[in-house]
Amino acid sequence: MTFADPADIVFMLQEELRRDWMAMPVWARNLSFRLACLQQPDNAELLREASVDLYSVGPDWDARARELAEQARELRTCRDDN
């Protein structure tokens, strides 16, 4: 997964989470989203999806989830302004 394309990472995450939301360990989900976001830091939808996932794993990650959500909003706003 380390060298996977971000689209492949997101597809794998979506498939696993759709099948059984709790089957994938939180650390693996976080790492997967992080790898995808590092490869596509300007992908507002990906940042939003990562934010939603972080909110779902407990309050320890809420600050980072808020940061990702804000980044996604800013990217969408910039895109809408152009």
PDB file of N, CA and C in Angstrom:
ATOM      1  N   MET A   1       0.807  -1.183   0.000  1.00  0.00           N
ATOM      2  CA  MET A   1       0.000   0.000   0.000  1.00  0.00           C
ATOM      3  C   MET A   1       0.858   1.259   0.000  1.00  0.00           C
ATOM      4  N   THR A   2       2.062   1.186   0.496  1.00  0.00           N
ATOM      5  CA  THR A   2       2.915   2.361   0.606  1.00  0.00           C
ATOM      6  C   THR A   2       3.099   3.074  -0.732  1.00  0.00           C
ATOM      7  N   PHE A   3       3.160   2.322  -1.813  1.00  0.00           N
ATOM      8  CA  PHE A   3       3.389   2.924  -3.120  1.00  0.00           C
ATOM      9  C   PHE A   3       2.149   2.884  -4.005  1.00  0.00           C
ATOM     10  N   ALA A   4       1.003   2.650  -3.410  1.00  0.00           N
ATOM     11  CA  ALA A   4      -0.237   2.584  -4.170  1.00  0.00           C
ATOM     12  C   ALA A   4      -0.683   3.970  -4.608  1.00  0.00           C
ATOM     13  N   ASP A   5      -1.380   3.997  -5.698  1.00  0.00           N
ATOM     14  CA  ASP A   5      -1.995   5.211  -6.212  1.00  0.00           C
ATOM     15  C   ASP A   5      -3.091   5.649  -5.234  1.00  0.00           C
ATOM     16  N   PRO A   6      -3.263   6.962  -5.020  1.00  0.00           N
ATOM     17  CA  PRO A   6      -4.282   7.420  -4.066  1.00  0.00           C
ATOM     18  C   PRO A   6      -5.688   6.909  -4.404  1.00  0.00           C
ATOM     19  N   ALA A   7      -6.010   6.814  -5.669  1.00  0.00           N
ATOM     20  CA  ALA A   7      -7.331   6.308  -6.056  1.00  0.00           C
ATOM     21  C   ALA A   7      -7.508   4.861  -5.604  1.00  0.00           C
ATOM     22  N   ASP A   8      -6.442   4.068  -5.706  1.00  0.00           N
ATOM     23  CA  ASP A   8      -6.505   2.672  -5.259  1.00  0.00           C
ATOM     24  C   ASP A   8      -6.661   2.582  -3.744  1.00  0.00           C
ATOM     25  N   ILE A   9      -5.972   3.468  -3.034  1.00  0.00           N
ATOM     26  CA  ILE A   9      -6.076   3.482  -1.571  1.00  0.00           C
ATOM     27  C   ILE A   9      -7.504   3.824  -1.162  1.00  0.00           C
ATOM     28  N   VAL A  10      -8.055   4.864  -1.759  1.00  0.00           N
ATOM     29  CA  VAL A  10      -9.411   5.291  -1.425  1.00  0.00           C
ATOM     30  C   VAL A  10     -10.421   4.205  -1.783  1.00  0.00           C
ATOM     31  N   PHE A  11     -10.246   3.568  -2.934  1.00  0.00           N
ATOM     32  CA  PHE A  11     -11.148   2.483  -3.331  1.00  0.00           C
ATOM     33  C   PHE A  11     -11.111   1.356  -2.299  1.00  0.00           C
ATOM     34  N   MET A  12      -9.905   0.966  -1.888  1.00  0.00           N
ATOM     35  CA  MET A  12      -9.757  -0.099  -0.899  1.00  0.00           C
ATOM     36  C   MET A  12     -10.439   0.296   0.411  1.00  0.00           C
ATOM     37  N   LEU A  13     -10.217   1.531   0.858  1.00  0.00           N
ATOM     38  CA  LEU A  13     -10.853   1.999   2.088  1.00  0.00           C
ATOM     39  C   LEU A  13     -12.374   1.970   1.980  1.00  0.00           C
ATOM     40  N   GLN A  14     -12.893   2.495   0.897  1.00  0.00           N
ATOM     41  CA  GLN A  14     -14.340   2.535   0.723  1.00  0.00           C
ATOM     42  C   GLN A  14     -14.932   1.133   0.698  1.00  0.00           C
ATOM     43  N   GLU A  15     -14.271   0.211   0.025  1.00  0.00           N
ATOM     44  CA  GLU A  15     -14.762  -1.167  -0.037  1.00  0.00           C
ATOM     45  C   GLU A  15     -14.723  -1.833   1.334  1.00  0.00           C
ATOM     46  N   GLU A  16     -13.629  -1.686   2.043  1.00  0.00           N
ATOM     47  CA  GLU A  16     -13.509  -2.300   3.367  1.00  0.00           C
ATOM     48  C   GLU A  16     -14.504  -1.707   4.351  1.00  0.00           C
ATOM     49  N   LEU A  17     -14.628  -0.394   4.346  1.00  0.00           N
ATOM     50  CA  LEU A  17     -15.534   0.265   5.280  1.00  0.00           C
ATOM     51  C   LEU A  17     -16.990  -0.034   4.944  1.00  0.00           C
ATOM     52  N   ARG A  18     -17.278  -0.210   3.667  1.00  0.00           N
ATOM     53  CA  ARG A  18     -18.639  -0.556   3.254  1.00  0.00           C
ATOM     54  C   ARG A  18     -18.990  -1.968   3.722  1.00  0.00           C
ATOM     55  N   ARG A  19     -18.037  -2.884   3.598  1.00  0.00           N
ATOM     56  CA  ARG A  19     -18.272  -4.277   4.004  1.00  0.00           C
ATOM     57  C   ARG A  19     -18.465  -4.423   5.506  1.00  0.00           C
ATOM     58  N   ASP A  20     -17.527  -3.866   6.264  1.00  0.00           N
ATOM     59  CA  ASP A  20     -17.592  -3.970   7.724  1.00  0.00           C
ATOM     60  C   ASP A  20     -16.818  -2.798   8.307  1.00  0.00           C
ATOM     61  N   TRP A  21     -17.542  -1.806   8.771  1.00  0.00           N
ATOM     62  CA  TRP A  21     -16.950  -0.545   9.201  1.00  0.00           C
ATOM     63  C   TRP A  21     -15.885  -0.729  10.273  1.00  0.00           C
ATOM     64  N   MET A  22     -16.046  -1.722  11.129  1.00  0.00           N
ATOM     65  CA  MET A  22     -15.107  -1.918  12.227  1.00  0.00           C
ATOM     66  C   MET A  22     -14.043  -2.989  11.953  1.00  0.00           C
ATOM     67  N   ALA A  23     -14.061  -3.597  10.804  1.00  0.00           N
ATOM     68  CA  ALA A  23     -13.113  -4.679  10.525  1.00  0.00           C
ATOM     69  C   ALA A  23     -11.680  -4.171  10.376  1.00  0.00           C
ATOM     70  N   MET A  24     -11.513  -3.000   9.810  1.00  0.00           N
ATOM     71  CA  MET A  24     -10.182  -2.441   9.595  1.00  0.00           C
ATOM     72  C   MET A  24      -9.759  -1.668  10.835  1.00  0.00           C
ATOM     73  N   PRO A  25      -8.600  -1.990  11.406  1.00  0.00           N
ATOM     74  CA  PRO A  25      -8.148  -1.271  12.604  1.00  0.00           C
ATOM     75  C   PRO A  25      -8.012   0.234  12.344  1.00  0.00           C
ATOM     76  N   VAL A  26      -8.287   1.004  13.368  1.00  0.00           N
ATOM     77  CA  VAL A  26      -8.234   2.463  13.244  1.00  0.00           C
ATOM     78  C   VAL A  26      -6.870   2.922  12.747  1.00  0.00           C
ATOM     79  N   TRP A  27      -5.787   2.349  13.260  1.00  0.00           N
ATOM     80  CA  TRP A  27      -4.449   2.772  12.837  1.00  0.00           C
ATOM     81  C   TRP A  27      -4.259   2.540  11.344  1.00  0.00           C
ATOM     82  N   ALA A  28      -4.818   1.461  10.806  1.00  0.00           N
ATOM     83  CA  ALA A  28      -4.675   1.168   9.378  1.00  0.00           C
ATOM     84  C   ALA A  28      -5.500   2.143   8.538  1.00  0.00           C
ATOM     85  N   ARG A  29      -6.683   2.486   9.028  1.00  0.00           N
ATOM     86  CA  ARG A  29      -7.509   3.481   8.322  1.00  0.00           C
ATOM     87  C   ARG A  29      -6.813   4.830   8.325  1.00  0.00           C
ATOM     88  N   ASN A  30      -6.313   5.242   9.494  1.00  0.00           N
ATOM     89  CA  ASN A  30      -5.620   6.527   9.584  1.00  0.00           C
ATOM     90  C   ASN A  30      -4.414   6.577   8.655  1.00  0.00           C
ATOM     91  N   LEU A  31      -3.628   5.520   8.667  1.00  0.00           N
ATOM     92  CA  LEU A  31      -2.450   5.464   7.811  1.00  0.00           C
ATOM     93  C   LEU A  31      -2.835   5.497   6.335  1.00  0.00           C
ATOM     94  N   SER A  32      -3.861   4.766   5.977  1.00  0.00           N
ATOM     95  CA  SER A  32      -4.307   4.728   4.580  1.00  0.00           C
ATOM     96  C   SER A  32      -4.778   6.100   4.118  1.00  0.00           C
ATOM     97  N   PHE A  33      -5.617   6.738   4.923  1.00  0.00           N
ATOM     98  CA  PHE A  33      -6.077   8.082   4.555  1.00  0.00           C
ATOM     99  C   PHE A  33      -4.903   9.054   4.506  1.00  0.00           C
ATOM    100  N   ARG A  34      -3.971   8.924   5.442  1.00  0.00           N
ATOM    101  CA  ARG A  34      -2.818   9.825   5.458  1.00  0.00           C
ATOM    102  C   ARG A  34      -1.984   9.677   4.175  1.00  0.00           C
ATOM    103  N   LEU A  35      -1.742   8.446   3.771  1.00  0.00           N
ATOM    104  CA  LEU A  35      -0.977   8.207   2.537  1.00  0.00           C
ATOM    105  C   LEU A  35      -1.684   8.812   1.330  1.00  0.00           C
ATOM    106  N   ALA A  36      -2.981   8.622   1.253  1.00  0.00           N
ATOM    107  CA  ALA A  36      -3.740   9.170   0.133  1.00  0.00           C
ATOM    108  C   ALA A  36      -3.719  10.701   0.161  1.00  0.00           C
ATOM    109  N   CYS A  37      -3.919  11.284   1.353  1.00  0.00           N
ATOM    110  CA  CYS A  37      -3.931  12.751   1.474  1.00  0.00           C
ATOM    111  C   CYS A  37      -2.555  13.359   1.186  1.00  0.00           C
ATOM    112  N   LEU A  38      -1.502  12.673   1.556  1.00  0.00           N
ATOM    113  CA  LEU A  38      -0.156  13.172   1.246  1.00  0.00           C
ATOM    114  C   LEU A  38       0.091  13.209  -0.260  1.00  0.00           C
ATOM    115  N   GLN A  39      -0.495  12.266  -0.970  1.00  0.00           N
ATOM    116  CA  GLN A  39      -0.319  12.217  -2.421  1.00  0.00           C
ATOM    117  C   GLN A  39      -1.237  13.192  -3.148  1.00  0.00           C
ATOM    118  N   GLN A  40      -2.355  13.540  -2.518  1.00  0.00           N
ATOM    119  CA  GLN A  40      -3.308  14.463  -3.145  1.00  0.00           C
ATOM    120  C   GLN A  40      -3.768  15.515  -2.130  1.00  0.00           C
ATOM    121  N   PRO A  41      -2.856  16.400  -1.725  1.00  0.00           N
ATOM    122  CA  PRO A  41      -3.214  17.383  -0.691  1.00  0.00           C
ATOM    123  C   PRO A  41      -4.229  18.428  -1.146  1.00  0.00           C
ATOM    124  N   ASP A  42      -4.488  18.525  -2.439  1.00  0.00           N
ATOM    125  CA  ASP A  42      -5.455  19.493  -2.948  1.00  0.00           C
ATOM    126  C   ASP A  42      -6.786  18.854  -3.328  1.00  0.00           C
ATOM    127  N   ASN A  43      -7.012  17.633  -2.903  1.00  0.00           N
ATOM    128  CA  ASN A  43      -8.255  16.921  -3.196  1.00  0.00           C
ATOM    129  C   ASN A  43      -9.236  17.156  -2.048  1.00  0.00           C
ATOM    130  N   ALA A  44     -10.123  18.115  -2.241  1.00  0.00           N
ATOM    131  CA  ALA A  44     -11.054  18.510  -1.178  1.00  0.00           C
ATOM    132  C   ALA A  44     -11.949  17.350  -0.748  1.00  0.00           C
ATOM    133  N   GLU A  45     -12.420  16.562  -1.681  1.00  0.00           N
ATOM    134  CA  GLU A  45     -13.301  15.442  -1.340  1.00  0.00           C
ATOM    135  C   GLU A  45     -12.571  14.404  -0.492  1.00  0.00           C
ATOM    136  N   LEU A  46     -11.323  14.129  -0.837  1.00  0.00           N
ATOM    137  CA  LEU A  46     -10.520  13.181  -0.066  1.00  0.00           C
ATOM    138  C   LEU A  46     -10.273  13.704   1.349  1.00  0.00           C
ATOM    139  N   LEU A  47      -9.938  14.973   1.475  1.00  0.00           N
ATOM    140  CA  LEU A  47      -9.726  15.568   2.795  1.00  0.00           C
ATOM    141  C   LEU A  47     -11.004  15.520   3.629  1.00  0.00           C
ATOM    142  N   ARG A  48     -12.140  15.782   2.993  1.00  0.00           N
ATOM    143  CA  ARG A  48     -13.416  15.728   3.695  1.00  0.00           C
ATOM    144  C   ARG A  48     -13.706  14.301   4.166  1.00  0.00           C
ATOM    145  N   GLU A  49     -13.467  13.331   3.296  1.00  0.00           N
ATOM    146  CA  GLU A  49     -13.701  11.933   3.652  1.00  0.00           C
ATOM    147  C   GLU A  49     -12.790  11.492   4.799  1.00  0.00           C
ATOM    148  N   ALA A  50     -11.539  11.913   4.760  1.00  0.00           N
ATOM    149  CA  ALA A  50     -10.602  11.587   5.848  1.00  0.00           C
ATOM    150  C   ALA A  50     -11.056  12.237   7.148  1.00  0.00           C
ATOM    151  N   SER A  51     -11.556  13.461   7.054  1.00  0.00           N
ATOM    152  CA  SER A  51     -12.054  14.165   8.238  1.00  0.00           C
ATOM    153  C   SER A  51     -13.226  13.423   8.863  1.00  0.00           C
ATOM    154  N   VAL A  52     -14.173  13.025   8.052  1.00  0.00           N
ATOM    155  CA  VAL A  52     -15.343  12.292   8.552  1.00  0.00           C
ATOM    156  C   VAL A  52     -14.894  11.004   9.236  1.00  0.00           C
ATOM    157  N   ASP A  53     -13.948  10.304   8.638  1.00  0.00           N
ATOM    158  CA  ASP A  53     -13.473   9.056   9.227  1.00  0.00           C
ATOM    159  C   ASP A  53     -12.797   9.321  10.575  1.00  0.00           C
ATOM    160  N   LEU A  54     -11.996  10.371  10.662  1.00  0.00           N
ATOM    161  CA  LEU A  54     -11.342  10.685  11.936  1.00  0.00           C
ATOM    162  C   LEU A  54     -12.350  11.023  13.025  1.00  0.00           C
ATOM    163  N   TYR A  55     -13.400  11.753  12.671  1.00  0.00           N
ATOM    164  CA  TYR A  55     -14.435  12.062  13.659  1.00  0.00           C
ATOM    165  C   TYR A  55     -15.086  10.793  14.195  1.00  0.00           C
ATOM    166  N   SER A  56     -15.123   9.759  13.382  1.00  0.00           N
ATOM    167  CA  SER A  56     -15.825   8.541  13.782  1.00  0.00           C
ATOM    168  C   SER A  56     -15.029   7.667  14.746  1.00  0.00           C
ATOM    169  N   VAL A  57     -13.747   7.973  14.969  1.00  0.00           N
ATOM    170  CA  VAL A  57     -12.934   7.092  15.805  1.00  0.00           C
ATOM    171  C   VAL A  57     -12.694   7.631  17.218  1.00  0.00           C
ATOM    172  N   GLY A  58     -13.286   8.738  17.528  1.00  0.00           N
ATOM    173  CA  GLY A  58     -13.182   9.212  18.900  1.00  0.00           C
ATOM    174  C   GLY A  58     -12.564  10.586  19.022  1.00  0.00           C
ATOM    175  N   PRO A  59     -12.681  11.162  20.195  1.00  0.00           N
ATOM    176  CA  PRO A  59     -12.283  12.556  20.405  1.00  0.00           C
ATOM    177  C   PRO A  59     -10.782  12.815  20.305  1.00  0.00           C
ATOM    178  N   ASP A  60      -9.963  11.800  20.408  1.00  0.00           N
ATOM    179  CA  ASP A  60      -8.513  12.012  20.305  1.00  0.00           C
ATOM    180  C   ASP A  60      -8.118  12.610  18.962  1.00  0.00           C
ATOM    181  N   TRP A  61      -8.925  12.385  17.948  1.00  0.00           N
ATOM    182  CA  TRP A  61      -8.592  12.838  16.594  1.00  0.00           C
ATOM    183  C   TRP A  61      -9.433  14.019  16.132  1.00  0.00           C
ATOM    184  N   ASP A  62     -10.291  14.551  16.994  1.00  0.00           N
ATOM    185  CA  ASP A  62     -11.207  15.616  16.574  1.00  0.00           C
ATOM    186  C   ASP A  62     -10.497  16.880  16.092  1.00  0.00           C
ATOM    187  N   ALA A  63      -9.402  17.262  16.733  1.00  0.00           N
ATOM    188  CA  ALA A  63      -8.686  18.480  16.305  1.00  0.00           C
ATOM    189  C   ALA A  63      -8.151  18.306  14.890  1.00  0.00           C
ATOM    190  N   ARG A  64      -7.570  17.162  14.615  1.00  0.00           N
ATOM    191  CA  ARG A  64      -7.046  16.913  13.261  1.00  0.00           C
ATOM    192  C   ARG A  64      -8.193  16.816  12.253  1.00  0.00           C
ATOM    193  N   ALA A  65      -9.302  16.227  12.667  1.00  0.00           N
ATOM    194  CA  ALA A  65     -10.470  16.126  11.786  1.00  0.00           C
ATOM    195  C   ALA A  65     -10.978  17.523  11.420  1.00  0.00           C
ATOM    196  N   ARG A  66     -11.009  18.428  12.410  1.00  0.00           N
ATOM    197  CA  ARG A  66     -11.434  19.811  12.131  1.00  0.00           C
ATOM    198  C   ARG A  66     -10.483  20.493  11.155  1.00  0.00           C
ATOM    199  N   GLU A  67      -9.178  20.262  11.319  1.00  0.00           N
ATOM    200  CA  GLU A  67      -8.191  20.844  10.398  1.00  0.00           C
ATOM    201  C   GLU A  67      -8.423  20.357   8.968  1.00  0.00           C
ATOM    202  N   LEU A  68      -8.628  19.067   8.818  1.00  0.00           N
ATOM    203  CA  LEU A  68      -8.866  18.513   7.480  1.00  0.00           C
ATOM    204  C   LEU A  68     -10.154  19.056   6.875  1.00  0.00           C
ATOM    205  N   ALA A  69     -11.194  19.148   7.687  1.00  0.00           N
ATOM    206  CA  ALA A  69     -12.469  19.679   7.197  1.00  0.00           C
ATOM    207  C   ALA A  69     -12.305  21.135   6.751  1.00  0.00           C
ATOM    208  N   GLU A  70     -11.557  21.910   7.510  1.00  0.00           N
ATOM    209  CA  GLU A  70     -11.318  23.314   7.147  1.00  0.00           C
ATOM    210  C   GLU A  70     -10.504  23.409   5.856  1.00  0.00           C
ATOM    211  N   GLN A  71      -9.488  22.588   5.724  1.00  0.00           N
ATOM    212  CA  GLN A  71      -8.700  22.574   4.489  1.00  0.00           C
ATOM    213  C   GLN A  71      -9.585  22.237   3.294  1.00  0.00           C
ATOM    214  N   ALA A  72     -10.466  21.271   3.462  1.00  0.00           N
ATOM    215  CA  ALA A  72     -11.378  20.885   2.379  1.00  0.00           C
ATOM    216  C   ALA A  72     -12.290  22.046   2.012  1.00  0.00           C
ATOM    217  N   ARG A  73     -12.840  22.741   3.024  1.00  0.00           N
ATOM    218  CA  ARG A  73     -13.707  23.901   2.767  1.00  0.00           C
ATOM    219  C   ARG A  73     -12.947  24.998   2.023  1.00  0.00           C
ATOM    220  N   GLU A  74     -11.722  25.276   2.459  1.00  0.00           N
ATOM    221  CA  GLU A  74     -10.917  26.307   1.800  1.00  0.00           C
ATOM    222  C   GLU A  74     -10.638  25.942   0.343  1.00  0.00           C
ATOM    223  N   LEU A  75     -10.311  24.685   0.106  1.00  0.00           N
ATOM    224  CA  LEU A  75     -10.062  24.247  -1.271  1.00  0.00           C
ATOM    225  C   LEU A  75     -11.305  24.390  -2.136  1.00  0.00           C
ATOM    226  N   ARG A  76     -12.457  24.015  -1.584  1.00  0.00           N
ATOM    227  CA  ARG A  76     -13.711  24.143  -2.342  1.00  0.00           C
ATOM    228  C   ARG A  76     -14.030  25.602  -2.612  1.00  0.00           C
ATOM    229  N   THR A  77     -13.794  26.463  -1.621  1.00  0.00           N
ATOM    230  CA  THR A  77     -14.054  27.887  -1.784  1.00  0.00           C
ATOM    231  C   THR A  77     -13.161  28.473  -2.875  1.00  0.00           C
ATOM    232  N   CYS A  78     -11.874  28.131  -2.839  1.00  0.00           N
ATOM    233  CA  CYS A  78     -10.939  28.616  -3.868  1.00  0.00           C
ATOM    234  C   CYS A  78     -11.362  28.124  -5.243  1.00  0.00           C
ATOM    235  N   ARG A  79     -11.765  26.873  -5.319  1.00  0.00           N
ATOM    236  CA  ARG A  79     -12.177  26.293  -6.594  1.00  0.00           C
ATOM    237  C   ARG A  79     -13.442  26.955  -7.106  1.00  0.00           C
ATOM    238  N   ASP A  80     -14.378  27.243  -6.201  1.00  0.00           N
ATOM    239  CA  ASP A  80     -15.636  27.881  -6.590  1.00  0.00           C
ATOM    240  C   ASP A  80     -15.419  29.321  -7.038  1.00  0.00           C
ATOM    241  N   ASP A  81     -14.401  29.978  -6.464  1.00  0.00           N
ATOM    242  CA  ASP A  81     -14.112  31.373  -6.830  1.00  0.00           C
ATOM    243  C   ASP A  81     -13.483  31.493  -8.214  1.00  0.00           C
ATOM    244  N   ASN A  82     -12.881  30.409  -8.677  1.00  0.00           N
ATOM    245  CA  ASN A  82     -12.213  30.452  -9.998  1.00  0.00           C
ATOM    246  C   ASN A  82     -13.138  30.115 -11.075  1.00  0.00           C
TER     247      ASN A  82
END
